[in-house]
C-alpha atoms as a PDB file:
ATOM      1  CA  MET A   1    -124.160 -15.912 -52.572  1.00  0.00           C
ATOM      2  CA  GLY A   2    -127.176 -15.544 -55.171  1.00  0.00           C
ATOM      3  CA  LEU A   3    -130.164 -12.902 -55.309  1.00  0.00           C
ATOM      4  CA  ARG A   4    -131.049 -11.636 -52.265  1.00  0.00           C
ATOM      5  CA  LYS A   5    -134.696 -12.022 -51.437  1.00  0.00           C
ATOM      6  CA  ALA A   6    -137.875  -9.761 -53.503  1.00  0.00           C
ATOM      7  CA  ALA A   7    -138.913  -8.020 -50.257  1.00  0.00           C
ATOM      8  CA  ALA A   8    -134.849  -5.727 -50.486  1.00  0.00           C
ATOM      9  CA  TYR A   9    -136.073  -4.551 -53.094  1.00  0.00           C
ATOM     10  CA  SER A  10    -139.766  -4.736 -53.614  1.00  0.00           C
ATOM     11  CA  LYS A  11    -140.590  -1.454 -51.779  1.00  0.00           C
ATOM     12  CA  LYS A  12    -143.502   0.942 -52.558  1.00  0.00           C
ATOM     13  CA  GLY A  13    -142.112   4.152 -53.812  1.00  0.00           C
ATOM     14  CA  ALA A  14    -139.589   3.042 -55.506  1.00  0.00           C
ATOM     15  CA  ARG A  15    -136.614   5.822 -57.594  1.00  0.00           C
ATOM     16  CA  PRO A  16    -136.651   4.904 -61.740  1.00  0.00           C
ATOM     17  CA  TYR A  17    -132.759   4.922 -62.042  1.00  0.00           C
ATOM     18  CA  THR A  18    -132.659   3.993 -65.454  1.00  0.00           C
ATOM     19  CA  ARG A  19    -129.730   5.847 -66.873  1.00  0.00           C
ATOM     20  CA  ARG A  20    -125.784   5.191 -67.556  1.00  0.00           C
ATOM     21  CA  SER A  21    -123.901   8.668 -67.097  1.00  0.00           C
ATOM     22  CA  LYS A  22    -122.248  10.031 -70.664  1.00  0.00           C
ATOM     23  CA  ILE A  23    -119.803  11.884 -67.872  1.00  0.00           C
ATOM     24  CA  LYS A  24    -117.188   8.789 -66.050  1.00  0.00           C
ATOM     25  CA  SER A  25    -116.631   9.925 -63.174  1.00  0.00           C
ATOM     26  CA  ARG A  26    -120.173  10.440 -62.468  1.00  0.00           C
ATOM     27  CA  GLY A  27    -120.948   7.481 -64.053  1.00  0.00           C
ATOM     28  CA  TYR A  28    -122.022   4.779 -60.936  1.00  0.00           C
ATOM     29  CA  ILE A  29    -122.848   2.933 -62.394  1.00  0.00           C
ATOM     30  CA  LYS A  30    -120.741   0.559 -65.111  1.00  0.00           C
ATOM     31  CA  VAL A  31    -122.211  -1.719 -66.773  1.00  0.00           C
ATOM     32  CA  ILE A  32    -125.764  -2.213 -67.549  1.00  0.00           C
ATOM     33  CA  PRO A  33    -127.019  -5.797 -66.332  1.00  0.00           C
ATOM     34  CA  PRO A  34    -128.449  -7.430 -69.846  1.00  0.00           C
ATOM     35  CA  GLN A  35    -132.251  -7.715 -69.717  1.00  0.00           C
ATOM     36  CA  SER A  36    -133.473 -11.047 -69.038  1.00  0.00           C
ATOM     37  CA  ILE A  37    -137.097 -12.032 -70.427  1.00  0.00           C
ATOM     38  CA  VAL A  38    -136.161 -13.234 -73.600  1.00  0.00           C
ATOM     39  CA  LYS A  39    -139.477 -12.531 -75.292  1.00  0.00           C
ATOM     40  CA  PHE A  40    -142.771 -11.046 -74.913  1.00  0.00           C
ATOM     41  CA  HIS A  41    -144.738 -11.629 -77.355  1.00  0.00           C
ATOM     42  CA  MET A  42    -145.428 -15.420 -77.950  1.00  0.00           C
ATOM     43  CA  GLY A  43    -147.921 -17.905 -80.056  1.00  0.00           C
ATOM     44  CA  ASN A  44    -150.127 -16.070 -83.000  1.00  0.00           C
ATOM     45  CA  GLU A  45    -149.505 -12.861 -83.174  1.00  0.00           C
ATOM     46  CA  LYS A  46    -151.306 -12.929 -86.703  1.00  0.00           C
ATOM     47  CA  PHE A  47    -154.645 -14.246 -85.305  1.00  0.00           C
ATOM     48  CA  TYR A  48    -154.708 -11.698 -82.433  1.00  0.00           C
ATOM     49  CA  ASP A  49    -154.049  -9.145 -85.122  1.00  0.00           C
ATOM     50  CA  GLU A  50    -156.993 -10.264 -87.562  1.00  0.00           C
ATOM     51  CA  LYS A  51    -159.164 -10.677 -83.692  1.00  0.00           C
ATOM     52  CA  LYS A  52    -159.875 -14.227 -84.481  1.00  0.00           C
ATOM     53  CA  PHE A  53    -159.302 -14.953 -80.200  1.00  0.00           C
ATOM     54  CA  PRO A  54    -162.516 -13.831 -78.381  1.00  0.00           C
ATOM     55  CA  TYR A  55    -161.241 -14.271 -75.029  1.00  0.00           C
ATOM     56  CA  THR A  56    -158.325 -12.088 -73.312  1.00  0.00           C
ATOM     57  CA  LEU A  57    -157.055 -12.108 -69.434  1.00  0.00           C
ATOM     58  CA  LEU A  58    -154.741  -9.771 -68.489  1.00  0.00           C
ATOM     59  CA  MET A  59    -153.358 -10.137 -65.012  1.00  0.00           C
ATOM     60  CA  VAL A  60    -153.177  -6.470 -62.936  1.00  0.00           C
ATOM     61  CA  ALA A  61    -151.188  -5.367 -59.675  1.00  0.00           C
ATOM     62  CA  ASP A  62    -153.178  -4.443 -56.828  1.00  0.00           C
ATOM     63  CA  GLU A  63    -150.400  -1.946 -55.510  1.00  0.00           C
ATOM     64  CA  ASP A  64    -147.103   0.116 -57.094  1.00  0.00           C
ATOM     65  CA  ILE A  65    -144.996  -2.174 -57.213  1.00  0.00           C
ATOM     66  CA  GLN A  66    -140.599  -3.408 -58.070  1.00  0.00           C
ATOM     67  CA  ILE A  67    -140.954  -6.745 -60.072  1.00  0.00           C
ATOM     68  CA  ARG A  68    -137.725  -8.327 -60.893  1.00  0.00           C
ATOM     69  CA  GLY A  69    -137.198  -9.637 -64.750  1.00  0.00           C
ATOM     70  CA  ASN A  70    -135.705 -12.925 -63.646  1.00  0.00           C
ATOM     71  CA  ALA A  71    -139.128 -13.104 -61.447  1.00  0.00           C
ATOM     72  CA  LEU A  72    -141.472 -11.889 -64.937  1.00  0.00           C
ATOM     73  CA  GLU A  73    -139.030 -14.584 -67.029  1.00  0.00           C
ATOM     74  CA  ALA A  74    -139.688 -17.647 -64.771  1.00  0.00           C
ATOM     75  CA  CYS A  75    -143.226 -16.436 -65.004  1.00  0.00           C
ATOM     76  CA  ARG A  76    -143.776 -16.334 -68.813  1.00  0.00           C
ATOM     77  CA  GLN A  77    -141.844 -19.654 -69.019  1.00  0.00           C
ATOM     78  CA  PHE A  78    -144.427 -21.420 -66.854  1.00  0.00           C
ATOM     79  CA  ILE A  79    -147.165 -20.185 -68.668  1.00  0.00           C
ATOM     80  CA  ASN A  80    -146.156 -20.299 -72.289  1.00  0.00           C
ATOM     81  CA  LYS A  81    -145.007 -24.108 -71.717  1.00  0.00           C
ATOM     82  CA  LYS A  82    -147.992 -25.404 -69.913  1.00  0.00           C
ATOM     83  CA  ILE A  83    -150.704 -23.673 -73.126  1.00  0.00           C
ATOM     84  CA  GLU A  84    -148.163 -24.394 -75.977  1.00  0.00           C
ATOM     85  CA  LYS A  85    -147.957 -28.168 -74.868  1.00  0.00           C
ATOM     86  CA  ASP A  86    -151.898 -28.236 -74.787  1.00  0.00           C
ATOM     87  CA  TYR A  87    -152.729 -25.817 -77.913  1.00  0.00           C
ATOM     88  CA  PRO A  88    -150.361 -24.823 -80.036  1.00  0.00           C
ATOM     89  CA  GLY A  89    -150.873 -21.429 -81.535  1.00  0.00           C
ATOM     90  CA  GLN A  90    -153.886 -20.810 -80.898  1.00  0.00           C
ATOM     91  CA  TYR A  91    -153.459 -17.924 -78.063  1.00  0.00           C
ATOM     92  CA  PHE A  92    -151.362 -15.128 -78.157  1.00  0.00           C
ATOM     93  CA  PHE A  93    -149.097 -13.976 -75.201  1.00  0.00           C
ATOM     94  CA  ARG A  94    -147.834 -10.670 -74.054  1.00  0.00           C
ATOM     95  CA  VAL A  95    -145.589  -9.739 -70.514  1.00  0.00           C
ATOM     96  CA  VAL A  96    -146.830  -6.080 -70.550  1.00  0.00           C
ATOM     97  CA  PRO A  97    -143.834  -4.215 -68.401  1.00  0.00           C
ATOM     98  CA  TYR A  98    -140.204  -3.558 -69.619  1.00  0.00           C
ATOM     99  CA  PRO A  99    -137.662  -3.975 -67.129  1.00  0.00           C
ATOM    100  CA  HIS A 100    -135.643  -0.476 -67.183  1.00  0.00           C
ATOM    101  CA  HIS A 101    -135.122   0.024 -63.716  1.00  0.00           C
ATOM    102  CA  ILE A 102    -131.252  -1.217 -62.053  1.00  0.00           C
ATOM    103  CA  GLN A 103    -131.031  -2.942 -58.935  1.00  0.00           C
ATOM    104  CA  ARG A 104    -128.009  -2.043 -56.583  1.00  0.00           C
ATOM    105  CA  GLU A 105    -126.623  -4.079 -53.725  1.00  0.00           C
ATOM    106  CA  ASN A 106    -123.210  -2.421 -51.432  1.00  0.00           C
ATOM    107  CA  LYS A 107    -122.344  -5.721 -50.812  1.00  0.00           C
ATOM    108  CA  MET A 108    -120.880  -6.404 -47.285  1.00  0.00           C
ATOM    109  CA  LEU A 109    -119.577  -9.311 -45.656  1.00  0.00           C
ATOM    110  CA  THR A 110    -119.854 -10.882 -42.817  1.00  0.00           C
ATOM    111  CA  GLY A 111    -117.202 -13.389 -40.859  1.00  0.00           C
ATOM    112  CA  ALA A 112    -113.783 -13.853 -39.349  1.00  0.00           C
ATOM    113  CA  GLY A 113    -111.527 -12.025 -42.374  1.00  0.00           C
ATOM    114  CA  ALA A 114    -114.027 -10.273 -43.791  1.00  0.00           C
ATOM    115  CA  ASP A 115    -113.330  -6.619 -42.421  1.00  0.00           C
ATOM    116  CA  ARG A 116    -111.016  -5.829 -45.409  1.00  0.00           C
ATOM    117  CA  MET A 117    -114.164  -5.634 -47.783  1.00  0.00           C
ATOM    118  CA  GLN A 118    -116.420  -3.568 -46.083  1.00  0.00           C
ATOM    119  CA  THR A 119    -115.679   0.562 -46.237  1.00  0.00           C
ATOM    120  CA  GLY A 120    -119.497   0.997 -44.463  1.00  0.00           C
ATOM    121  CA  MET A 121    -121.385   3.653 -45.981  1.00  0.00           C
ATOM    122  CA  GLN A 122    -118.391   5.542 -47.526  1.00  0.00           C
ATOM    123  CA  LEU A 123    -118.784   5.044 -51.231  1.00  0.00           C
ATOM    124  CA  SER A 124    -122.367   2.833 -50.503  1.00  0.00           C
ATOM    125  CA  PHE A 125    -124.248   3.544 -53.990  1.00  0.00           C
ATOM    126  CA  GLY A 126    -123.631  -0.398 -54.757  1.00  0.00           C
ATOM    127  CA  LYS A 127    -122.907  -2.197 -58.187  1.00  0.00           C
ATOM    128  CA  ALA A 128    -125.808  -3.232 -60.857  1.00  0.00           C
ATOM    129  CA  ILE A 129    -127.038  -6.884 -59.904  1.00  0.00           C
ATOM    130  CA  GLY A 130    -130.075  -6.977 -61.957  1.00  0.00           C
ATOM    131  CA  ARG A 131    -133.164  -4.910 -63.125  1.00  0.00           C
ATOM    132  CA  ALA A 132    -137.481  -4.850 -62.237  1.00  0.00           C
ATOM    133  CA  ALA A 133    -140.660  -3.457 -63.774  1.00  0.00           C
ATOM    134  CA  LEU A 134    -142.180  -1.047 -61.478  1.00  0.00           C
ATOM    135  CA  ILE A 135    -145.747  -1.509 -61.886  1.00  0.00           C
ATOM    136  CA  LYS A 136    -148.490   1.099 -60.448  1.00  0.00           C
ATOM    137  CA  ARG A 137    -151.373  -0.391 -59.251  1.00  0.00           C
ATOM    138  CA  GLY A 138    -153.754  -0.968 -62.039  1.00  0.00           C
ATOM    139  CA  GLU A 139    -151.325  -1.667 -64.675  1.00  0.00           C
ATOM    140  CA  GLY A 140    -150.968  -4.848 -66.809  1.00  0.00           C
ATOM    141  CA  ILE A 141    -148.474  -7.653 -65.680  1.00  0.00           C
ATOM    142  CA  PHE A 142    -149.604  -9.987 -68.311  1.00  0.00           C
ATOM    143  CA  PHE A 143    -152.224 -10.721 -71.370  1.00  0.00           C
ATOM    144  CA  LEU A 144    -153.393 -13.389 -72.696  1.00  0.00           C
ATOM    145  CA  ALA A 145    -155.474 -13.391 -76.034  1.00  0.00           C
ATOM    146  CA  LEU A 146    -157.442 -17.681 -75.947  1.00  0.00           C
ATOM    147  CA  GLN A 147    -159.518 -18.610 -79.149  1.00  0.00           C
ATOM    148  CA  THR A 148    -161.945 -21.203 -76.472  1.00  0.00           C
ATOM    149  CA  LYS A 149    -163.621 -20.618 -73.305  1.00  0.00           C
ATOM    150  CA  LYS A 150    -161.707 -23.841 -72.568  1.00  0.00           C
ATOM    151  CA  ILE A 151    -158.779 -22.623 -73.151  1.00  0.00           C
ATOM    152  CA  GLU A 152    -159.218 -19.193 -70.953  1.00  0.00           C
ATOM    153  CA  GLN A 153    -160.138 -21.405 -67.498  1.00  0.00           C
ATOM    154  CA  LEU A 154    -157.417 -23.072 -67.927  1.00  0.00           C
ATOM    155  CA  ALA A 155    -155.551 -20.121 -68.576  1.00  0.00           C
ATOM    156  CA  ARG A 156    -157.047 -19.016 -66.035  1.00  0.00           C
ATOM    157  CA  HIS A 157    -155.831 -21.158 -63.500  1.00  0.00           C
ATOM    158  CA  TYR A 158    -152.140 -21.019 -64.755  1.00  0.00           C
ATOM    159  CA  LEU A 159    -152.078 -17.334 -63.871  1.00  0.00           C
ATOM    160  CA  HIS A 160    -153.455 -18.149 -59.989  1.00  0.00           C
ATOM    161  CA  GLN A 161    -150.227 -20.788 -60.105  1.00  0.00           C
ATOM    162  CA  ILE A 162    -147.724 -18.031 -60.615  1.00  0.00           C
ATOM    163  CA  ARG A 163    -148.952 -15.541 -58.108  1.00  0.00           C
ATOM    164  CA  ALA A 164    -146.513 -16.838 -55.531  1.00  0.00           C
ATOM    165  CA  LYS A 165    -143.947 -16.140 -57.888  1.00  0.00           C
ATOM    166  CA  LEU A 166    -144.754 -12.078 -58.522  1.00  0.00           C
ATOM    167  CA  PRO A 167    -144.451 -10.343 -55.036  1.00  0.00           C
ATOM    168  CA  CYS A 168    -147.922  -7.950 -55.362  1.00  0.00           C
ATOM    169  CA  THR A 169    -151.073  -9.221 -55.739  1.00  0.00           C
ATOM    170  CA  THR A 170    -153.073  -9.342 -58.441  1.00  0.00           C
ATOM    171  CA  ARG A 171    -156.387  -9.813 -59.954  1.00  0.00           C
ATOM    172  CA  ILE A 172    -157.444 -11.692 -63.235  1.00  0.00           C
ATOM    173  CA  ILE A 173    -159.478  -8.978 -65.584  1.00  0.00           C
ATOM    174  CA  SER A 174    -161.187 -10.946 -68.145  1.00  0.00           C
ATOM    175  CA  LYS A 175    -163.349  -9.505 -71.228  1.00  0.00           C
ATOM    176  CA  GLU A 176    -165.124 -11.267 -74.409  1.00  0.00           C
ATOM    177  CA  PHE A 177    -165.146  -9.610 -77.858  1.00  0.00           C
ATOM    178  CA  LYS A 178    -168.220 -11.043 -80.649  1.00  0.00           C
ATOM    179  CA  HIS A 179    -167.892  -9.790 -83.742  1.00  0.00           C
ATOM    180  CA  THR A 180    -170.916  -8.686 -85.461  1.00  0.00           C
ATOM    181  CA  GLU A 181    -171.644  -9.153 -88.982  1.00  0.00           C
ATOM    182  CA  ALA A 182    -171.028  -5.805 -90.369  1.00  0.00           C
ATOM    183  CA  GLU A 183    -167.017  -6.842 -88.822  1.00  0.00           C
ATOM    184  CA  GLU A 184    -167.288  -9.638 -90.608  1.00  0.00           C
ATOM    185  CA  GLU A 185    -168.217  -8.224 -94.019  1.00  0.00           C
ATOM    186  CA  ASN A 186    -165.411  -5.251 -93.791  1.00  0.00           C
END
């Protein structure tokens, strides 16, 4: 069957559901789905810590939203692959939110002969099917630190391309840091 449309889960004001009960009779969630995001930090983290990347880009959400873990992973793979191919080691990339929220689905079958499985709204808690990150308005989604202005323009273009994969409107905040001579001496 596959995944349902993201619109089924991207509702505003979702209540975070993150825990599994230690008491077996109250444990509606039997298995927590695995994390779909493989890496949260990519690129040259050492140069980022040494403040050698003067240009930064931050993609922020313009609304309260749930973003599925698989959507974040698809965006992460796209951006990392493109920048790593063109400018290896000249960037630092971080996925900011962590998908804690467990999404559930009450499976319903339709068609002939499917009436045996259905119980309607009786015991309708649903099975865990994935994870999502609950993001509030103004919170960061992706963070990039870059070495040159040219790479910043390219990364901005890639961030515009992934907007279709995200269920919310976003904006990109850029900053440029100038290092003073006093900082370089220390």
